[in-house]
Structure formats: C-alpha cells, structure tokens
C-alpha cells in the first residue's frame, strides 16, 4: 500500500496538517460539515489535505485540475456526482498530478459519473502510494466512472475496505487497473 523512505528536509504528504484555507474554489460550511468544490475549473497547484469530519462534495461540471505535482488527501468521504453530459473530472493538464487518496474516512464515498485521467500515484517526501486513486479503510462505491491514461502505477487500489464497482471502465492503465488488497 504505502512505502515510506524518509528524506531529510522533506515533509511527506501524510504528515501535512489538514488545511482548507487558500483554495478559492472551496466552500466550507462548518454548520453542515461540508466542503464543496465550486463548479467549473478548480486549479490545484499544491497539495490539498482535507480533515476528518466533513463530507466533500463536487457536482456536475466540476473540473479538478492537479498541476505542479499536486495531490488530494482526504480523511473525509467524498460525494462526487456528475452527469453523463457533465461529469466531475479529476485530471492533470500538465501531466504531473499525483492523484487522490482517501484514508480512514468515516462513511462511504460515492463517485458517480466521474472521469479520472492522466494521474500518477502520490510520491511525496518519501511517502509513496502504488495507485493514482487509493482508498484505505474507506468504503467506496464507483458508478459509471471512467479511469483513463494512468501513469507510473495502478489506477485504483482499495485497501482493507469494502468497495463496489458498477458500470466503471479502465482504459490505458500504466499497470494494474484494479489492485485490491
């Protein structure tokens, strides 16, 4: 699942404190305990670490573009729900985006009509995952999703968790499309 090779002077992603500030495309509702990505292009040019205790939402037409080796690490479940005409996209326009990891989230994540493309596994300060999308002890349902063009690893790695795939396809995977543990 994860390999850690400590590198002096570098902080790996797992040790970054959660921080939602400074992301203009996020709407945080403390009363409802939600974090919502605004529709349209959301340019992530640095790592986003989402704390536990929220529901993370993205709706039709939300385009998450991970550049400059950015990754998303969430300790909260995701509810990414697009449509056939307007999927939620998670991609990397500069081909350096380092994917998505959900760790120990309380509650099931749901990704429906989501397109994930051209992402690689997170490699941060000695912390290395083996897939571009990892769910560790975080149940997930993937419905009508499309994974295409992964780089340098597997696409989807559910670890010690319940997962359900429905009408989901994997295209041009760099290694394993699905690597369940």
C-alpha atoms as a PDB file:
ATOM      1  CA  UNK A   1       0.000   0.000   0.000  1.00  0.00           C
ATOM      2  CA  UNK A   2       2.347   2.788   1.109  1.00  0.00           C
ATOM      3  CA  UNK A   3       6.074   2.836   1.263  1.00  0.00           C
ATOM      4  CA  UNK A   4       7.901   5.386   3.358  1.00  0.00           C
ATOM      5  CA  UNK A   5      11.510   6.240   2.685  1.00  0.00           C
ATOM      6  CA  UNK A   6      12.287   9.272   4.875  1.00  0.00           C
ATOM      7  CA  UNK A   7      14.141  12.016   3.094  1.00  0.00           C
ATOM      8  CA  UNK A   8      15.859  14.682   5.213  1.00  0.00           C
ATOM      9  CA  UNK A   9      14.257  18.095   4.937  1.00  0.00           C
ATOM     10  CA  UNK A  10      11.121  16.886   3.141  1.00  0.00           C
ATOM     11  CA  UNK A  11       7.686  16.525   4.713  1.00  0.00           C
ATOM     12  CA  UNK A  12       5.707  13.690   3.200  1.00  0.00           C
ATOM     13  CA  UNK A  13       2.052  14.186   2.341  1.00  0.00           C
ATOM     14  CA  UNK A  14       0.775  12.033   5.206  1.00  0.00           C
ATOM     15  CA  UNK A  15       2.350  14.409   7.738  1.00  0.00           C
ATOM     16  CA  UNK A  16       0.951  17.599   6.194  1.00  0.00           C
ATOM     17  CA  UNK A  17      -1.631  19.115   8.521  1.00  0.00           C
ATOM     18  CA  UNK A  18      -5.119  19.388   7.005  1.00  0.00           C
ATOM     19  CA  UNK A  19      -5.678  22.888   5.640  1.00  0.00           C
ATOM     20  CA  UNK A  20      -8.627  24.140   3.600  1.00  0.00           C
ATOM     21  CA  UNK A  21      -7.564  27.786   3.563  1.00  0.00           C
ATOM     22  CA  UNK A  22      -6.242  29.467   0.454  1.00  0.00           C
ATOM     23  CA  UNK A  23      -8.308  27.412  -2.007  1.00  0.00           C
ATOM     24  CA  UNK A  24     -10.671  29.955  -3.581  1.00  0.00           C
ATOM     25  CA  UNK A  25     -12.762  27.245  -5.269  1.00  0.00           C
ATOM     26  CA  UNK A  26     -13.735  25.584  -1.949  1.00  0.00           C
ATOM     27  CA  UNK A  27     -16.852  26.448   0.040  1.00  0.00           C
ATOM     28  CA  UNK A  28     -16.660  25.242   3.639  1.00  0.00           C
ATOM     29  CA  UNK A  29     -19.903  25.066   5.629  1.00  0.00           C
ATOM     30  CA  UNK A  30     -18.978  24.400   9.252  1.00  0.00           C
ATOM     31  CA  UNK A  31     -22.633  24.079  10.353  1.00  0.00           C
ATOM     32  CA  UNK A  32     -23.318  21.316   7.820  1.00  0.00           C
ATOM     33  CA  UNK A  33     -19.732  19.971   7.955  1.00  0.00           C
ATOM     34  CA  UNK A  34     -19.374  20.048   4.174  1.00  0.00           C
ATOM     35  CA  UNK A  35     -16.557  21.034   1.845  1.00  0.00           C
ATOM     36  CA  UNK A  36     -17.821  21.817  -1.658  1.00  0.00           C
ATOM     37  CA  UNK A  37     -15.802  22.298  -4.836  1.00  0.00           C
ATOM     38  CA  UNK A  38     -17.388  25.096  -6.868  1.00  0.00           C
ATOM     39  CA  UNK A  39     -18.444  24.065 -10.404  1.00  0.00           C
ATOM     40  CA  UNK A  40     -16.014  24.929 -13.183  1.00  0.00           C
ATOM     41  CA  UNK A  41     -12.243  24.611 -13.311  1.00  0.00           C
ATOM     42  CA  UNK A  42     -10.514  24.196  -9.945  1.00  0.00           C
ATOM     43  CA  UNK A  43      -6.749  24.512 -10.411  1.00  0.00           C
ATOM     44  CA  UNK A  44      -4.863  22.705  -7.650  1.00  0.00           C
ATOM     45  CA  UNK A  45      -1.225  23.729  -7.810  1.00  0.00           C
ATOM     46  CA  UNK A  46      -0.401  22.493  -4.311  1.00  0.00           C
ATOM     47  CA  UNK A  47      -1.482  19.559  -2.169  1.00  0.00           C
ATOM     48  CA  UNK A  48      -4.955  19.648  -0.662  1.00  0.00           C
ATOM     49  CA  UNK A  49      -5.332  17.798   2.666  1.00  0.00           C
ATOM     50  CA  UNK A  50      -8.954  17.555   3.855  1.00  0.00           C
ATOM     51  CA  UNK A  51      -9.536  16.893   7.564  1.00  0.00           C
ATOM     52  CA  UNK A  52     -11.837  14.239   9.023  1.00  0.00           C
ATOM     53  CA  UNK A  53     -15.411  15.049   9.962  1.00  0.00           C
ATOM     54  CA  UNK A  54     -16.703  16.532   6.689  1.00  0.00           C
ATOM     55  CA  UNK A  55     -18.473  15.377   3.541  1.00  0.00           C
ATOM     56  CA  UNK A  56     -16.594  16.505   0.405  1.00  0.00           C
ATOM     57  CA  UNK A  57     -18.903  17.442  -2.471  1.00  0.00           C
ATOM     58  CA  UNK A  58     -18.407  18.035  -6.194  1.00  0.00           C
ATOM     59  CA  UNK A  59     -21.220  18.308  -8.719  1.00  0.00           C
ATOM     60  CA  UNK A  60     -21.773  18.279 -12.475  1.00  0.00           C
ATOM     61  CA  UNK A  61     -19.188  20.212 -14.458  1.00  0.00           C
ATOM     62  CA  UNK A  62     -16.585  20.370 -11.697  1.00  0.00           C
ATOM     63  CA  UNK A  63     -13.114  20.057 -13.232  1.00  0.00           C
ATOM     64  CA  UNK A  64     -10.313  19.360 -10.733  1.00  0.00           C
ATOM     65  CA  UNK A  65      -7.006  20.012 -12.498  1.00  0.00           C
ATOM     66  CA  UNK A  66      -3.994  18.834 -10.477  1.00  0.00           C
ATOM     67  CA  UNK A  67      -0.788  20.532 -11.645  1.00  0.00           C
ATOM     68  CA  UNK A  68       2.745  21.010 -10.277  1.00  0.00           C
ATOM     69  CA  UNK A  69       2.677  17.523  -8.702  1.00  0.00           C
ATOM     70  CA  UNK A  70      -0.385  18.322  -6.563  1.00  0.00           C
ATOM     71  CA  UNK A  71      -2.326  15.548  -4.834  1.00  0.00           C
ATOM     72  CA  UNK A  72      -5.543  15.344  -2.826  1.00  0.00           C
ATOM     73  CA  UNK A  73      -5.562  13.513   0.504  1.00  0.00           C
ATOM     74  CA  UNK A  74      -8.908  13.263   2.285  1.00  0.00           C
ATOM     75  CA  UNK A  75      -9.743  11.946   5.719  1.00  0.00           C
ATOM     76  CA  UNK A  76     -13.435  12.543   4.908  1.00  0.00           C
ATOM     77  CA  UNK A  77     -15.712  10.696   2.489  1.00  0.00           C
ATOM     78  CA  UNK A  78     -16.335  12.107  -0.996  1.00  0.00           C
ATOM     79  CA  UNK A  79     -19.647  12.589  -2.807  1.00  0.00           C
ATOM     80  CA  UNK A  80     -18.634  13.392  -6.383  1.00  0.00           C
ATOM     81  CA  UNK A  81     -21.771  13.227  -8.530  1.00  0.00           C
ATOM     82  CA  UNK A  82     -21.637  14.299 -12.145  1.00  0.00           C
ATOM     83  CA  UNK A  83     -23.930  13.533 -15.051  1.00  0.00           C
ATOM     84  CA  UNK A  84     -23.363  11.838 -18.398  1.00  0.00           C
ATOM     85  CA  UNK A  85     -23.229  15.243 -20.099  1.00  0.00           C
ATOM     86  CA  UNK A  86     -21.278  16.971 -17.317  1.00  0.00           C
ATOM     87  CA  UNK A  87     -19.091  14.542 -15.386  1.00  0.00           C
ATOM     88  CA  UNK A  88     -16.887  15.520 -12.479  1.00  0.00           C
ATOM     89  CA  UNK A  89     -13.337  15.383 -13.823  1.00  0.00           C
ATOM     90  CA  UNK A  90     -10.111  14.796 -11.954  1.00  0.00           C
ATOM     91  CA  UNK A  91      -7.154  15.245 -14.293  1.00  0.00           C
ATOM     92  CA  UNK A  92      -3.726  16.762 -14.800  1.00  0.00           C
ATOM     93  CA  UNK A  93      -3.285  19.191 -17.686  1.00  0.00           C
ATOM     94  CA  UNK A  94       0.498  19.363 -17.128  1.00  0.00           C
ATOM     95  CA  UNK A  95       0.815  15.554 -16.681  1.00  0.00           C
ATOM     96  CA  UNK A  96       2.269  15.854 -13.144  1.00  0.00           C
ATOM     97  CA  UNK A  97      -0.863  15.450 -10.985  1.00  0.00           C
ATOM     98  CA  UNK A  98      -0.434  12.870  -8.238  1.00  0.00           C
ATOM     99  CA  UNK A  99      -3.911  11.582  -7.705  1.00  0.00           C
ATOM    100  CA  UNK A 100      -6.293  11.086  -4.853  1.00  0.00           C
ATOM    101  CA  UNK A 101      -6.161   9.156  -1.577  1.00  0.00           C
ATOM    102  CA  UNK A 102      -8.963   8.660   0.938  1.00  0.00           C
ATOM    103  CA  UNK A 103      -7.656   7.438   4.280  1.00  0.00           C
ATOM    104  CA  UNK A 104      -9.692   6.203   7.263  1.00  0.00           C
ATOM    105  CA  UNK A 105     -12.776   8.184   6.262  1.00  0.00           C
ATOM    106  CA  UNK A 106     -15.840   7.625   8.396  1.00  0.00           C
ATOM    107  CA  UNK A 107     -18.603   6.940   5.920  1.00  0.00           C
ATOM    108  CA  UNK A 108     -18.870   5.648   2.366  1.00  0.00           C
ATOM    109  CA  UNK A 109     -17.577   7.665  -0.554  1.00  0.00           C
ATOM    110  CA  UNK A 110     -19.664   7.768  -3.729  1.00  0.00           C
ATOM    111  CA  UNK A 111     -18.256   8.661  -7.136  1.00  0.00           C
ATOM    112  CA  UNK A 112     -20.823   8.687  -9.926  1.00  0.00           C
ATOM    113  CA  UNK A 113     -20.140   9.920 -13.463  1.00  0.00           C
ATOM    114  CA  UNK A 114     -16.547  10.811 -12.638  1.00  0.00           C
ATOM    115  CA  UNK A 115     -13.719  10.885 -15.180  1.00  0.00           C
ATOM    116  CA  UNK A 116     -10.188  10.409 -13.828  1.00  0.00           C
ATOM    117  CA  UNK A 117      -7.413  10.884 -16.354  1.00  0.00           C
ATOM    118  CA  UNK A 118      -3.666  11.263 -16.684  1.00  0.00           C
ATOM    119  CA  UNK A 119      -2.789  10.960 -12.993  1.00  0.00           C
ATOM    120  CA  UNK A 120       0.003   9.127 -11.227  1.00  0.00           C
ATOM    121  CA  UNK A 121       0.290   7.734  -7.695  1.00  0.00           C
ATOM    122  CA  UNK A 122       1.336  10.200  -4.979  1.00  0.00           C
ATOM    123  CA  UNK A 123       5.075  10.299  -4.309  1.00  0.00           C
ATOM    124  CA  UNK A 124       5.747  12.894  -1.619  1.00  0.00           C
ATOM    125  CA  UNK A 125       8.825  13.228   0.556  1.00  0.00           C
ATOM    126  CA  UNK A 126       9.395   9.500   0.775  1.00  0.00           C
ATOM    127  CA  UNK A 127       5.689   8.562   1.095  1.00  0.00           C
ATOM    128  CA  UNK A 128       4.726   6.502  -1.943  1.00  0.00           C
ATOM    129  CA  UNK A 129       1.367   5.002  -2.898  1.00  0.00           C
ATOM    130  CA  UNK A 130       1.002   2.403  -5.630  1.00  0.00           C
ATOM    131  CA  UNK A 131      -2.166   3.755  -7.308  1.00  0.00           C
ATOM    132  CA  UNK A 132      -3.475   7.077  -8.583  1.00  0.00           C
ATOM    133  CA  UNK A 133      -6.669   6.527  -6.539  1.00  0.00           C
ATOM    134  CA  UNK A 134      -6.311   4.796  -3.165  1.00  0.00           C
ATOM    135  CA  UNK A 135      -8.994   4.087  -0.556  1.00  0.00           C
ATOM    136  CA  UNK A 136      -7.522   2.848   2.718  1.00  0.00           C
ATOM    137  CA  UNK A 137     -10.078   1.657   5.283  1.00  0.00           C
ATOM    138  CA  UNK A 138     -12.561   3.938   3.490  1.00  0.00           C
ATOM    139  CA  UNK A 139     -15.523   2.216   1.791  1.00  0.00           C
ATOM    140  CA  UNK A 140     -16.347   3.461  -1.698  1.00  0.00           C
ATOM    141  CA  UNK A 141     -18.898   2.990  -4.470  1.00  0.00           C
ATOM    142  CA  UNK A 142     -17.861   3.803  -8.049  1.00  0.00           C
ATOM    143  CA  UNK A 143     -20.740   4.047 -10.516  1.00  0.00           C
ATOM    144  CA  UNK A 144     -20.395   4.995 -14.172  1.00  0.00           C
ATOM    145  CA  UNK A 145     -16.815   6.178 -13.718  1.00  0.00           C
ATOM    146  CA  UNK A 146     -14.037   6.187 -16.287  1.00  0.00           C
ATOM    147  CA  UNK A 147     -10.345   5.833 -15.459  1.00  0.00           C
ATOM    148  CA  UNK A 148      -8.033   6.541 -18.379  1.00  0.00           C
ATOM    149  CA  UNK A 149      -4.350   7.054 -19.039  1.00  0.00           C
ATOM    150  CA  UNK A 150      -2.784   6.362 -15.640  1.00  0.00           C
ATOM    151  CA  UNK A 151       0.939   6.987 -15.335  1.00  0.00           C
ATOM    152  CA  UNK A 152       3.509   5.015 -13.337  1.00  0.00           C
ATOM    153  CA  UNK A 153       1.235   2.703 -11.378  1.00  0.00           C
ATOM    154  CA  UNK A 154      -2.168   1.158 -10.873  1.00  0.00           C
ATOM    155  CA  UNK A 155      -5.374   3.113 -11.169  1.00  0.00           C
ATOM    156  CA  UNK A 156      -7.482   2.015  -8.228  1.00  0.00           C
ATOM    157  CA  UNK A 157      -6.230   0.429  -5.002  1.00  0.00           C
ATOM    158  CA  UNK A 158      -8.848  -0.314  -2.309  1.00  0.00           C
ATOM    159  CA  UNK A 159      -7.032  -1.484   0.828  1.00  0.00           C
ATOM    160  CA  UNK A 160      -8.754  -3.150   3.802  1.00  0.00           C
ATOM    161  CA  UNK A 161     -12.112  -1.755   2.728  1.00  0.00           C
ATOM    162  CA  UNK A 162     -15.450  -2.563   1.128  1.00  0.00           C
ATOM    163  CA  UNK A 163     -15.823  -1.356  -2.469  1.00  0.00           C
ATOM    164  CA  UNK A 164     -18.435  -1.627  -5.205  1.00  0.00           C
ATOM    165  CA  UNK A 165     -17.828  -1.051  -8.916  1.00  0.00           C
ATOM    166  CA  UNK A 166     -20.792  -0.569 -11.226  1.00  0.00           C
ATOM    167  CA  UNK A 167     -20.513   0.273 -14.939  1.00  0.00           C
ATOM    168  CA  UNK A 168     -16.984   1.565 -14.420  1.00  0.00           C
ATOM    169  CA  UNK A 169     -14.261   1.248 -17.061  1.00  0.00           C
ATOM    170  CA  UNK A 170     -10.468   1.379 -17.031  1.00  0.00           C
ATOM    171  CA  UNK A 171      -8.673   2.445 -20.240  1.00  0.00           C
ATOM    172  CA  UNK A 172      -4.909   2.626 -20.922  1.00  0.00           C
ATOM    173  CA  UNK A 173      -3.737   1.786 -17.421  1.00  0.00           C
ATOM    174  CA  UNK A 174       0.022   2.090 -16.816  1.00  0.00           C
ATOM    175  CA  UNK A 175      -0.002  -1.112 -14.730  1.00  0.00           C
ATOM    176  CA  UNK A 176      -2.923  -2.828 -12.993  1.00  0.00           C
ATOM    177  CA  UNK A 177      -6.287  -1.149 -13.480  1.00  0.00           C
ATOM    178  CA  UNK A 178      -7.533  -2.554 -10.168  1.00  0.00           C
ATOM    179  CA  UNK A 179      -5.255  -3.784  -7.409  1.00  0.00           C
ATOM    180  CA  UNK A 180      -7.430  -4.798  -4.420  1.00  0.00           C
ATOM    181  CA  UNK A 181      -5.844  -5.701  -1.109  1.00  0.00           C
END
